[in-house]
């Protein structure tokens, strides 16, 4: 075992002339010490088998440095993973206000899946149904007026709440797609809009 030198002790005594028996190749020596408050290094006593004896102050510094390094590494990994995550579907936000949809016209790309986020700013419930004209004809004739979202593009939007659904549009030249509310008299009042496929 290599003796540890104190910063104050000076160099270790020489082992003598070259007549000493050859030894195994030298292992790299790593300075073992702690930095004190006045920025000087003092030797850290070595326990048997080369282990450091506990030094409460030094150990806390090592733990704090390791914790800070771990936090930085975790933050960097999270940022890297987030920045490489594939983007989700484009989002269109629609507000139900005074029994109208705002906006009442949206533009989408052919074949695109769009996430619709619908906020109901009215004190009464509404629904958001999106689809081709035949879908609206069925709902206008009185199908159930509570929608859990189990059917794509059909959700109930309670008063003051925000819900979402998705809809996948057809290719260019597909039939027009409209969205609207079919609660009694709402469609006739003008609570509907169009999704224009560009």
N, C-alpha and C. Protein backbone atom coordinates (compact mmCIF):
# COMPACT_ATOMS: atom_id res chain seq x y z
N UNK A 1 0.84 -1.16 0.00
CA UNK A 1 0.00 0.00 0.00
C UNK A 1 0.89 1.23 0.00
N UNK A 2 0.50 2.24 -0.82
CA UNK A 2 1.29 3.46 -0.93
C UNK A 2 0.94 4.39 0.20
N UNK A 3 1.96 4.93 0.91
CA UNK A 3 1.64 5.84 2.01
C UNK A 3 1.07 7.14 1.49
N UNK A 4 0.20 7.73 2.26
CA UNK A 4 -0.39 9.01 1.88
C UNK A 4 0.43 10.10 2.54
N UNK A 5 0.71 11.14 1.75
CA UNK A 5 1.51 12.23 2.28
C UNK A 5 0.61 13.36 2.73
N UNK A 6 1.04 13.99 3.82
CA UNK A 6 0.35 15.18 4.27
C UNK A 6 0.87 16.36 3.48
N UNK A 7 0.03 17.35 3.21
CA UNK A 7 0.45 18.52 2.46
C UNK A 7 1.56 19.25 3.20
N UNK A 8 1.60 19.14 4.53
CA UNK A 8 2.61 19.84 5.30
C UNK A 8 3.88 19.02 5.48
N UNK A 9 3.83 17.72 5.24
CA UNK A 9 4.94 16.85 5.59
C UNK A 9 6.09 16.91 4.62
N UNK A 10 5.93 17.33 3.40
CA UNK A 10 7.01 17.33 2.41
C UNK A 10 7.09 15.97 1.73
N UNK A 11 8.11 15.75 0.90
CA UNK A 11 8.19 14.51 0.13
C UNK A 11 8.48 13.31 1.02
N UNK A 12 8.08 12.14 0.58
CA UNK A 12 8.34 10.90 1.31
C UNK A 12 9.82 10.56 1.17
N UNK A 13 10.42 9.92 2.16
CA UNK A 13 11.83 9.56 2.06
C UNK A 13 12.05 8.60 0.91
N UNK A 14 13.24 8.69 0.33
CA UNK A 14 13.61 7.85 -0.80
C UNK A 14 13.77 6.41 -0.33
N UNK A 15 13.45 5.46 -1.19
CA UNK A 15 13.54 4.06 -0.83
C UNK A 15 14.99 3.59 -0.85
N UNK A 16 15.90 4.34 -1.33
CA UNK A 16 17.30 3.93 -1.36
C UNK A 16 17.80 3.81 -2.77
N UNK A 17 19.07 3.32 -2.94
CA UNK A 17 19.64 3.21 -4.27
C UNK A 17 18.91 2.19 -5.11
N UNK A 18 19.31 2.09 -6.36
CA UNK A 18 18.67 1.23 -7.34
C UNK A 18 18.84 -0.24 -7.03
N UNK A 19 19.50 -0.60 -5.91
CA UNK A 19 19.74 -2.00 -5.59
C UNK A 19 18.50 -2.70 -5.06
N UNK A 20 17.41 -1.93 -4.83
CA UNK A 20 16.20 -2.55 -4.31
C UNK A 20 15.64 -3.52 -5.32
N UNK A 21 14.93 -4.54 -4.82
CA UNK A 21 14.36 -5.55 -5.72
C UNK A 21 13.32 -4.92 -6.61
N UNK A 22 13.22 -5.42 -7.86
CA UNK A 22 12.22 -4.86 -8.78
C UNK A 22 10.82 -5.09 -8.21
N UNK A 23 9.96 -4.14 -8.46
CA UNK A 23 8.58 -4.23 -7.97
C UNK A 23 7.63 -4.31 -9.15
N UNK A 24 6.39 -4.61 -8.84
CA UNK A 24 5.39 -4.66 -9.91
C UNK A 24 5.17 -3.25 -10.43
N UNK A 25 4.64 -3.12 -11.63
CA UNK A 25 4.43 -1.78 -12.19
C UNK A 25 3.61 -0.93 -11.24
N UNK A 26 3.97 0.34 -11.18
CA UNK A 26 3.31 1.26 -10.24
C UNK A 26 1.89 1.54 -10.68
N UNK A 27 1.00 1.54 -9.69
CA UNK A 27 -0.38 1.92 -9.97
C UNK A 27 -0.47 3.43 -9.91
N UNK A 28 -1.37 4.04 -10.67
CA UNK A 28 -1.49 5.50 -10.58
C UNK A 28 -1.92 5.88 -9.18
N UNK A 29 -1.33 6.95 -8.68
CA UNK A 29 -1.65 7.42 -7.33
C UNK A 29 -2.62 8.57 -7.46
N UNK A 30 -3.70 8.47 -6.76
CA UNK A 30 -4.71 9.52 -6.77
C UNK A 30 -4.59 10.25 -5.44
N UNK A 31 -4.51 11.54 -5.49
CA UNK A 31 -4.39 12.31 -4.26
C UNK A 31 -5.63 12.10 -3.42
N UNK A 32 -5.43 11.78 -2.18
CA UNK A 32 -6.55 11.58 -1.27
C UNK A 32 -6.52 12.71 -0.27
N UNK A 33 -7.44 13.60 -0.34
CA UNK A 33 -7.47 14.71 0.58
C UNK A 33 -8.79 15.42 0.50
N UNK A 34 -9.00 16.36 1.38
CA UNK A 34 -10.22 17.15 1.35
C UNK A 34 -9.84 18.60 1.30
N UNK A 35 -10.69 19.40 0.68
CA UNK A 35 -10.44 20.84 0.60
C UNK A 35 -11.09 21.48 1.81
N UNK A 36 -10.31 22.29 2.51
CA UNK A 36 -10.83 22.93 3.72
C UNK A 36 -11.45 24.27 3.35
N UNK A 37 -12.03 24.94 4.36
CA UNK A 37 -12.73 26.20 4.13
C UNK A 37 -11.81 27.27 3.57
N UNK A 38 -10.51 27.22 3.90
CA UNK A 38 -9.59 28.25 3.39
C UNK A 38 -8.93 27.84 2.08
N UNK A 39 -9.53 26.87 1.36
CA UNK A 39 -9.09 26.42 0.03
C UNK A 39 -7.72 25.74 0.04
N UNK A 40 -7.32 25.15 1.14
CA UNK A 40 -6.10 24.37 1.18
C UNK A 40 -6.48 22.91 1.27
N UNK A 41 -5.56 22.05 0.94
CA UNK A 41 -5.84 20.62 0.98
C UNK A 41 -5.17 20.02 2.20
N UNK A 42 -5.90 19.19 2.94
CA UNK A 42 -5.26 18.48 4.02
C UNK A 42 -5.45 17.00 3.75
N UNK A 43 -4.49 16.25 4.17
CA UNK A 43 -4.51 14.81 3.90
C UNK A 43 -5.67 14.16 4.63
N UNK A 44 -6.22 13.16 4.01
CA UNK A 44 -7.30 12.38 4.62
C UNK A 44 -6.67 11.07 5.08
N UNK A 45 -6.77 10.73 6.37
CA UNK A 45 -6.18 9.49 6.85
C UNK A 45 -6.80 8.29 6.14
N UNK A 46 -5.99 7.31 5.86
CA UNK A 46 -6.44 6.12 5.14
C UNK A 46 -6.61 4.98 6.12
N UNK A 47 -7.75 4.31 6.06
CA UNK A 47 -8.02 3.16 6.91
C UNK A 47 -7.39 1.92 6.27
N UNK A 48 -7.33 0.81 6.96
CA UNK A 48 -6.78 -0.41 6.37
C UNK A 48 -7.48 -0.74 5.06
N UNK A 49 -6.76 -1.36 4.17
CA UNK A 49 -7.22 -1.77 2.85
C UNK A 49 -7.52 -0.57 1.97
N UNK A 50 -6.95 0.58 2.24
CA UNK A 50 -7.06 1.74 1.36
C UNK A 50 -8.38 2.48 1.44
N UNK A 51 -9.23 2.17 2.40
CA UNK A 51 -10.50 2.88 2.51
C UNK A 51 -10.32 4.16 3.30
N UNK A 52 -11.03 5.19 2.93
CA UNK A 52 -10.96 6.45 3.67
C UNK A 52 -11.71 6.32 4.98
N UNK A 53 -11.17 6.90 6.00
CA UNK A 53 -11.90 6.97 7.26
C UNK A 53 -13.01 8.00 7.10
N UNK A 54 -14.12 7.81 7.78
CA UNK A 54 -15.22 8.78 7.63
C UNK A 54 -14.79 10.18 8.03
N UNK A 55 -15.17 11.13 7.20
CA UNK A 55 -14.94 12.55 7.48
C UNK A 55 -16.27 13.25 7.25
N UNK A 56 -17.03 13.50 8.31
CA UNK A 56 -18.39 14.02 8.14
C UNK A 56 -18.47 15.22 7.21
N UNK A 57 -17.58 16.19 7.35
CA UNK A 57 -17.66 17.38 6.50
C UNK A 57 -17.41 17.05 5.04
N UNK A 58 -16.37 16.26 4.78
CA UNK A 58 -16.04 15.91 3.40
C UNK A 58 -17.10 15.05 2.76
N UNK A 59 -17.66 14.14 3.53
CA UNK A 59 -18.68 13.24 2.99
C UNK A 59 -19.91 14.03 2.57
N UNK A 60 -20.29 15.02 3.36
CA UNK A 60 -21.45 15.84 3.00
C UNK A 60 -21.20 16.57 1.70
N UNK A 61 -19.96 17.08 1.53
CA UNK A 61 -19.64 17.78 0.29
C UNK A 61 -19.77 16.85 -0.91
N UNK A 62 -19.27 15.63 -0.76
CA UNK A 62 -19.33 14.66 -1.86
C UNK A 62 -20.78 14.34 -2.18
N UNK A 63 -21.59 14.13 -1.16
CA UNK A 63 -23.00 13.80 -1.38
C UNK A 63 -23.71 14.96 -2.06
N UNK A 64 -23.45 16.19 -1.61
CA UNK A 64 -24.09 17.35 -2.22
C UNK A 64 -23.68 17.52 -3.67
N UNK A 65 -22.39 17.35 -3.95
CA UNK A 65 -21.91 17.47 -5.34
C UNK A 65 -22.53 16.37 -6.19
N UNK A 66 -22.58 15.14 -5.67
CA UNK A 66 -23.17 14.04 -6.43
C UNK A 66 -24.66 14.28 -6.68
N UNK A 67 -25.37 14.80 -5.68
CA UNK A 67 -26.80 15.08 -5.85
C UNK A 67 -27.03 16.15 -6.90
N UNK A 68 -26.20 17.21 -6.85
CA UNK A 68 -26.34 18.29 -7.84
C UNK A 68 -26.04 17.76 -9.24
N UNK A 69 -25.00 16.95 -9.36
CA UNK A 69 -24.65 16.39 -10.68
C UNK A 69 -25.77 15.48 -11.18
N UNK A 70 -26.35 14.69 -10.27
CA UNK A 70 -27.45 13.81 -10.67
C UNK A 70 -28.67 14.60 -11.13
N UNK A 71 -28.98 15.70 -10.42
CA UNK A 71 -30.12 16.53 -10.81
C UNK A 71 -29.90 17.15 -12.18
N UNK A 72 -28.69 17.63 -12.43
CA UNK A 72 -28.39 18.21 -13.74
C UNK A 72 -28.50 17.17 -14.84
N UNK A 73 -27.97 15.96 -14.57
CA UNK A 73 -28.04 14.89 -15.57
C UNK A 73 -29.48 14.51 -15.84
N UNK A 74 -30.29 14.36 -14.78
CA UNK A 74 -31.70 14.00 -14.97
C UNK A 74 -32.44 15.07 -15.75
N UNK A 75 -32.17 16.33 -15.42
CA UNK A 75 -32.82 17.43 -16.16
C UNK A 75 -32.43 17.42 -17.62
N UNK A 76 -31.16 17.17 -17.89
CA UNK A 76 -30.69 17.11 -19.28
C UNK A 76 -31.33 15.97 -20.04
N UNK A 77 -31.45 14.80 -19.38
CA UNK A 77 -32.08 13.66 -20.04
C UNK A 77 -33.55 13.93 -20.31
N UNK A 78 -34.24 14.52 -19.33
CA UNK A 78 -35.66 14.83 -19.53
C UNK A 78 -35.84 15.80 -20.69
N UNK A 79 -34.98 16.83 -20.77
CA UNK A 79 -35.08 17.79 -21.87
C UNK A 79 -34.80 17.11 -23.19
N UNK A 80 -33.80 16.23 -23.23
CA UNK A 80 -33.47 15.52 -24.47
C UNK A 80 -34.62 14.64 -24.90
N UNK A 81 -35.21 13.89 -23.95
CA UNK A 81 -36.31 13.01 -24.30
C UNK A 81 -37.52 13.82 -24.76
N UNK A 82 -37.78 14.94 -24.08
CA UNK A 82 -38.93 15.76 -24.45
C UNK A 82 -38.74 16.37 -25.82
N UNK A 83 -37.53 16.84 -26.11
CA UNK A 83 -37.31 17.51 -27.39
C UNK A 83 -37.34 16.53 -28.55
N UNK A 84 -37.13 15.23 -28.29
CA UNK A 84 -37.14 14.25 -29.38
C UNK A 84 -38.47 13.52 -29.48
N UNK A 85 -39.42 13.81 -28.60
CA UNK A 85 -40.72 13.15 -28.64
C UNK A 85 -41.46 13.58 -29.91
N UNK A 86 -42.10 12.63 -30.58
CA UNK A 86 -42.81 13.01 -31.79
C UNK A 86 -43.98 13.93 -31.44
N UNK A 87 -44.25 14.90 -32.31
CA UNK A 87 -45.35 15.81 -32.02
C UNK A 87 -46.69 15.09 -32.10
N UNK A 88 -47.65 15.53 -31.27
CA UNK A 88 -48.97 14.94 -31.32
C UNK A 88 -49.76 15.54 -32.47
N UNK A 89 -51.02 15.14 -32.59
CA UNK A 89 -51.82 15.70 -33.68
C UNK A 89 -52.02 17.20 -33.47
N UNK A 90 -52.22 17.96 -34.55
CA UNK A 90 -52.49 19.38 -34.39
C UNK A 90 -53.77 19.58 -33.59
N UNK A 91 -53.80 20.67 -32.83
CA UNK A 91 -54.94 20.94 -31.95
C UNK A 91 -55.71 22.16 -32.42
N UNK A 92 -57.03 22.04 -32.43
CA UNK A 92 -57.91 23.17 -32.72
C UNK A 92 -58.78 23.38 -31.48
N UNK A 93 -58.77 24.60 -30.95
CA UNK A 93 -59.58 24.93 -29.78
C UNK A 93 -60.85 25.64 -30.22
N UNK A 94 -61.96 25.15 -29.72
CA UNK A 94 -63.27 25.72 -30.07
C UNK A 94 -63.99 26.06 -28.77
N UNK A 95 -64.63 27.22 -28.74
CA UNK A 95 -65.38 27.65 -27.56
C UNK A 95 -66.86 27.72 -27.89
N UNK A 96 -67.69 27.15 -27.02
CA UNK A 96 -69.14 27.29 -27.13
C UNK A 96 -69.53 28.49 -26.26
N UNK A 97 -70.08 29.51 -26.93
CA UNK A 97 -70.41 30.74 -26.21
C UNK A 97 -71.70 31.32 -26.80
N UNK A 98 -72.69 31.60 -25.96
CA UNK A 98 -74.00 32.08 -26.41
C UNK A 98 -74.60 31.14 -27.45
N UNK A 99 -74.46 29.84 -27.20
CA UNK A 99 -74.98 28.79 -28.09
C UNK A 99 -74.49 28.95 -29.54
N UNK A 100 -73.25 29.31 -29.67
CA UNK A 100 -72.56 29.38 -30.96
C UNK A 100 -71.17 28.79 -30.76
N UNK A 101 -70.56 28.34 -31.85
CA UNK A 101 -69.17 27.86 -31.79
C UNK A 101 -68.25 28.95 -32.32
N UNK A 102 -67.18 29.19 -31.60
CA UNK A 102 -66.16 30.15 -32.03
C UNK A 102 -64.82 29.43 -32.07
N UNK A 103 -64.19 29.31 -33.24
CA UNK A 103 -64.62 29.77 -34.55
C UNK A 103 -65.65 28.81 -35.16
N UNK A 104 -66.34 29.32 -36.17
CA UNK A 104 -67.32 28.47 -36.85
C UNK A 104 -66.79 27.98 -38.20
N UNK A 105 -65.51 28.24 -38.47
CA UNK A 105 -64.82 27.72 -39.67
C UNK A 105 -63.39 27.38 -39.27
N UNK A 106 -62.96 26.18 -39.61
CA UNK A 106 -61.56 25.80 -39.38
C UNK A 106 -61.02 25.16 -40.65
N UNK A 107 -59.73 25.23 -40.85
CA UNK A 107 -59.08 24.62 -42.02
C UNK A 107 -58.20 23.47 -41.56
N UNK A 108 -58.28 22.35 -42.27
CA UNK A 108 -57.49 21.17 -41.93
C UNK A 108 -56.85 20.62 -43.20
N UNK A 109 -55.84 19.79 -43.03
CA UNK A 109 -55.18 19.15 -44.17
C UNK A 109 -55.86 17.83 -44.51
N UNK A 110 -55.84 17.44 -45.78
CA UNK A 110 -56.43 16.16 -46.17
C UNK A 110 -55.78 15.00 -45.41
N UNK A 111 -56.58 14.06 -44.93
CA UNK A 111 -56.07 12.88 -44.25
C UNK A 111 -55.50 13.13 -42.86
N UNK A 112 -55.66 14.32 -42.33
CA UNK A 112 -55.06 14.69 -41.05
C UNK A 112 -55.97 14.29 -39.88
N UNK A 113 -55.34 13.82 -38.79
CA UNK A 113 -56.07 13.60 -37.54
C UNK A 113 -55.88 14.85 -36.69
N UNK A 114 -56.98 15.42 -36.23
CA UNK A 114 -56.95 16.68 -35.47
C UNK A 114 -57.53 16.43 -34.09
N UNK A 115 -56.89 17.02 -33.10
CA UNK A 115 -57.39 16.98 -31.72
C UNK A 115 -58.21 18.25 -31.52
N UNK A 116 -59.48 18.09 -31.19
CA UNK A 116 -60.37 19.22 -30.90
C UNK A 116 -60.50 19.37 -29.39
N UNK A 117 -60.22 20.57 -28.89
CA UNK A 117 -60.42 20.89 -27.48
C UNK A 117 -61.58 21.87 -27.43
N UNK A 118 -62.68 21.46 -26.80
CA UNK A 118 -63.91 22.26 -26.80
C UNK A 118 -64.18 22.75 -25.38
N UNK A 119 -64.28 24.07 -25.23
CA UNK A 119 -64.59 24.67 -23.93
C UNK A 119 -66.00 25.25 -23.98
N UNK A 120 -66.81 24.91 -23.00
CA UNK A 120 -68.18 25.41 -22.92
C UNK A 120 -68.22 26.58 -21.94
N UNK A 121 -68.33 27.79 -22.47
CA UNK A 121 -68.39 28.99 -21.63
C UNK A 121 -69.83 29.36 -21.27
N UNK A 122 -70.79 28.55 -21.68
CA UNK A 122 -72.20 28.82 -21.38
C UNK A 122 -72.62 28.17 -20.06
N UNK A 123 -73.74 28.65 -19.49
CA UNK A 123 -74.25 28.05 -18.25
C UNK A 123 -75.12 26.81 -18.50
N UNK A 124 -75.23 26.37 -19.76
CA UNK A 124 -76.01 25.17 -20.10
C UNK A 124 -75.10 24.18 -20.82
N UNK A 125 -75.50 22.90 -20.82
CA UNK A 125 -74.72 21.87 -21.50
C UNK A 125 -74.87 21.98 -23.01
N UNK A 126 -73.84 21.48 -23.71
CA UNK A 126 -73.87 21.39 -25.17
C UNK A 126 -73.29 20.04 -25.56
N UNK A 127 -73.28 19.78 -26.83
CA UNK A 127 -72.56 18.62 -27.35
C UNK A 127 -71.75 19.07 -28.56
N UNK A 128 -70.74 18.28 -28.87
CA UNK A 128 -69.91 18.56 -30.04
C UNK A 128 -69.89 17.29 -30.86
N UNK A 129 -70.54 17.36 -32.02
CA UNK A 129 -70.61 16.23 -32.95
C UNK A 129 -69.94 16.70 -34.24
N UNK A 130 -68.96 15.93 -34.72
CA UNK A 130 -68.31 16.27 -35.98
C UNK A 130 -68.45 15.10 -36.94
N UNK A 131 -68.71 15.41 -38.19
CA UNK A 131 -68.86 14.36 -39.19
C UNK A 131 -69.49 14.88 -40.46
N UNK A 132 -69.74 13.96 -41.41
CA UNK A 132 -70.37 14.35 -42.68
C UNK A 132 -71.85 14.65 -42.47
N UNK A 133 -72.54 15.19 -43.49
CA UNK A 133 -73.95 15.58 -43.35
C UNK A 133 -74.86 14.47 -42.84
N UNK A 134 -74.64 13.22 -43.25
CA UNK A 134 -75.51 12.13 -42.80
C UNK A 134 -75.42 11.90 -41.28
N UNK A 135 -74.26 12.13 -40.69
CA UNK A 135 -74.11 12.02 -39.23
C UNK A 135 -75.00 13.04 -38.54
N UNK A 136 -75.01 14.25 -39.05
CA UNK A 136 -75.82 15.31 -38.43
C UNK A 136 -77.32 15.08 -38.66
N UNK A 137 -77.67 14.49 -39.80
CA UNK A 137 -79.08 14.19 -40.05
C UNK A 137 -79.59 13.18 -39.02
N UNK A 138 -78.77 12.18 -38.70
CA UNK A 138 -79.16 11.16 -37.70
C UNK A 138 -79.33 11.81 -36.33
N UNK A 139 -78.36 12.63 -35.92
CA UNK A 139 -78.41 13.25 -34.59
C UNK A 139 -79.54 14.28 -34.49
N UNK A 140 -79.84 14.95 -35.57
CA UNK A 140 -80.90 15.97 -35.53
C UNK A 140 -82.28 15.31 -35.35
N UNK A 141 -82.40 14.03 -35.74
CA UNK A 141 -83.69 13.33 -35.58
C UNK A 141 -83.90 12.81 -34.16
N UNK A 142 -82.93 13.00 -33.27
CA UNK A 142 -83.19 12.66 -31.87
C UNK A 142 -82.45 11.47 -31.31
N UNK A 143 -81.25 11.19 -31.74
CA UNK A 143 -80.48 10.11 -31.11
C UNK A 143 -80.11 10.55 -29.70
N UNK A 144 -79.57 9.68 -28.87
CA UNK A 144 -79.24 10.07 -27.48
C UNK A 144 -78.39 11.33 -27.45
N UNK A 145 -78.67 12.15 -26.44
CA UNK A 145 -77.96 13.42 -26.34
C UNK A 145 -76.90 13.42 -25.25
N UNK A 146 -76.42 12.24 -24.89
CA UNK A 146 -75.28 12.18 -23.97
C UNK A 146 -74.20 11.34 -24.64
N UNK A 147 -73.01 11.92 -24.78
CA UNK A 147 -71.92 11.26 -25.51
C UNK A 147 -70.68 11.21 -24.63
N UNK A 148 -70.15 10.02 -24.45
CA UNK A 148 -69.01 9.81 -23.55
C UNK A 148 -67.67 9.96 -24.26
N UNK A 149 -67.69 10.07 -25.58
CA UNK A 149 -66.43 10.12 -26.32
C UNK A 149 -66.02 8.75 -26.83
N UNK A 150 -66.85 7.72 -26.52
CA UNK A 150 -66.54 6.37 -27.01
C UNK A 150 -66.59 6.33 -28.54
N UNK A 151 -67.42 7.18 -29.13
CA UNK A 151 -67.46 7.31 -30.59
C UNK A 151 -66.62 8.53 -30.94
N UNK A 152 -65.65 8.32 -31.82
CA UNK A 152 -64.78 9.42 -32.23
C UNK A 152 -65.59 10.59 -32.76
N UNK A 153 -65.30 11.79 -32.26
CA UNK A 153 -65.96 12.99 -32.74
C UNK A 153 -67.30 13.28 -32.12
N UNK A 154 -67.69 12.55 -31.05
CA UNK A 154 -68.98 12.79 -30.40
C UNK A 154 -68.78 12.89 -28.89
N UNK A 155 -68.92 14.12 -28.35
CA UNK A 155 -68.74 14.32 -26.91
C UNK A 155 -69.78 15.29 -26.38
N UNK A 156 -70.18 15.06 -25.13
CA UNK A 156 -71.01 16.01 -24.39
C UNK A 156 -70.06 17.00 -23.73
N UNK A 157 -70.45 18.29 -23.75
CA UNK A 157 -69.61 19.33 -23.15
C UNK A 157 -70.44 20.01 -22.06
N UNK A 158 -70.28 19.56 -20.79
CA UNK A 158 -71.07 20.16 -19.71
C UNK A 158 -70.76 21.65 -19.53
N UNK A 159 -71.71 22.37 -18.94
CA UNK A 159 -71.54 23.81 -18.70
C UNK A 159 -70.25 24.09 -17.94
N UNK A 160 -69.48 25.04 -18.46
CA UNK A 160 -68.24 25.46 -17.80
C UNK A 160 -67.09 24.49 -17.91
N UNK A 161 -67.24 23.39 -18.64
CA UNK A 161 -66.20 22.37 -18.71
C UNK A 161 -65.48 22.41 -20.06
N UNK A 162 -64.34 21.68 -20.12
CA UNK A 162 -63.57 21.54 -21.35
C UNK A 162 -63.39 20.05 -21.61
N UNK A 163 -63.68 19.62 -22.81
CA UNK A 163 -63.50 18.22 -23.20
C UNK A 163 -62.73 18.18 -24.52
N UNK A 164 -62.30 17.00 -24.89
CA UNK A 164 -61.61 16.88 -26.18
C UNK A 164 -61.97 15.60 -26.88
N UNK A 165 -61.77 15.61 -28.17
CA UNK A 165 -61.99 14.46 -29.02
C UNK A 165 -61.09 14.60 -30.25
N UNK A 166 -60.98 13.55 -31.02
CA UNK A 166 -60.18 13.62 -32.26
C UNK A 166 -61.07 13.26 -33.45
N UNK A 167 -60.62 13.69 -34.59
CA UNK A 167 -61.32 13.35 -35.83
C UNK A 167 -60.28 13.25 -36.94
N UNK A 168 -60.41 12.18 -37.75
CA UNK A 168 -59.51 11.99 -38.89
C UNK A 168 -60.26 12.36 -40.15
N UNK A 169 -59.72 13.32 -40.88
CA UNK A 169 -60.37 13.81 -42.10
C UNK A 169 -59.99 12.95 -43.29
N UNK A 170 -60.88 12.96 -44.27
CA UNK A 170 -60.65 12.19 -45.49
C UNK A 170 -59.70 12.92 -46.43
N UNK A 171 -59.47 12.33 -47.59
CA UNK A 171 -58.58 12.95 -48.58
C UNK A 171 -59.22 14.18 -49.21
N UNK A 172 -58.44 14.86 -49.98
CA UNK A 172 -58.94 16.03 -50.69
C UNK A 172 -60.14 15.63 -51.54
N UNK A 173 -61.16 16.44 -51.57
CA UNK A 173 -62.36 16.13 -52.33
C UNK A 173 -63.39 15.32 -51.55
N UNK A 174 -63.11 15.03 -50.27
CA UNK A 174 -64.07 14.30 -49.42
C UNK A 174 -65.30 15.17 -49.18
N UNK A 175 -66.43 14.55 -48.78
CA UNK A 175 -67.62 15.33 -48.46
C UNK A 175 -67.31 16.34 -47.37
N UNK A 176 -68.06 17.43 -47.31
CA UNK A 176 -67.81 18.44 -46.28
C UNK A 176 -68.01 17.85 -44.89
N UNK A 177 -67.27 18.38 -43.96
CA UNK A 177 -67.38 17.93 -42.57
C UNK A 177 -67.84 19.12 -41.74
N UNK A 178 -68.89 18.88 -40.94
CA UNK A 178 -69.40 19.94 -40.08
C UNK A 178 -69.34 19.49 -38.63
N UNK A 179 -69.37 20.47 -37.73
CA UNK A 179 -69.49 20.16 -36.31
C UNK A 179 -70.64 20.98 -35.76
N UNK A 180 -71.33 20.42 -34.77
CA UNK A 180 -72.47 21.14 -34.23
C UNK A 180 -73.04 20.50 -32.99
N UNK A 181 -74.05 21.16 -32.42
CA UNK A 181 -74.76 20.70 -31.24
C UNK A 181 -76.19 20.40 -31.65
N UNK A 182 -76.69 19.22 -31.30
CA UNK A 182 -78.04 18.81 -31.68
C UNK A 182 -79.01 18.78 -30.51
N UNK A 183 -78.68 19.42 -29.40
CA UNK A 183 -79.67 19.55 -28.33
C UNK A 183 -80.83 20.39 -28.88
N UNK A 184 -81.99 20.24 -28.32
CA UNK A 184 -83.22 20.83 -28.87
C UNK A 184 -83.05 22.28 -29.31
N UNK A 185 -83.16 22.50 -30.62
CA UNK A 185 -83.14 23.83 -31.20
C UNK A 185 -81.75 24.44 -31.39
N UNK A 186 -80.68 23.82 -30.91
CA UNK A 186 -79.35 24.45 -30.98
C UNK A 186 -78.82 24.53 -32.41
N UNK A 187 -79.00 23.45 -33.19
CA UNK A 187 -78.52 23.47 -34.59
C UNK A 187 -79.27 24.56 -35.37
N UNK A 188 -80.59 24.60 -35.21
CA UNK A 188 -81.40 25.59 -35.93
C UNK A 188 -81.03 27.01 -35.50
N UNK A 189 -80.63 27.18 -34.25
CA UNK A 189 -80.24 28.50 -33.76
C UNK A 189 -78.93 28.95 -34.37
N UNK A 190 -78.16 28.03 -34.89
CA UNK A 190 -76.90 28.38 -35.54
C UNK A 190 -75.66 27.81 -34.86
N UNK A 191 -75.86 26.82 -33.98
CA UNK A 191 -74.71 26.25 -33.27
C UNK A 191 -74.09 25.14 -34.09
N UNK A 192 -73.38 25.55 -35.15
CA UNK A 192 -72.65 24.58 -35.99
C UNK A 192 -71.57 25.34 -36.77
N UNK A 193 -70.64 24.57 -37.29
CA UNK A 193 -69.55 25.17 -38.06
C UNK A 193 -69.02 24.17 -39.08
N UNK A 194 -68.07 24.60 -39.91
CA UNK A 194 -67.52 23.75 -40.98
C UNK A 194 -66.02 23.57 -40.81
N UNK A 195 -65.58 22.36 -41.13
CA UNK A 195 -64.14 22.07 -41.21
C UNK A 195 -63.81 21.97 -42.69
N UNK A 196 -63.01 22.90 -43.17
CA UNK A 196 -62.68 22.95 -44.59
C UNK A 196 -61.38 22.21 -44.85
N UNK A 197 -61.44 21.19 -45.71
CA UNK A 197 -60.24 20.41 -46.06
C UNK A 197 -59.51 21.16 -47.16
N UNK A 198 -58.29 21.59 -46.87
CA UNK A 198 -57.53 22.40 -47.84
C UNK A 198 -57.07 21.55 -49.01
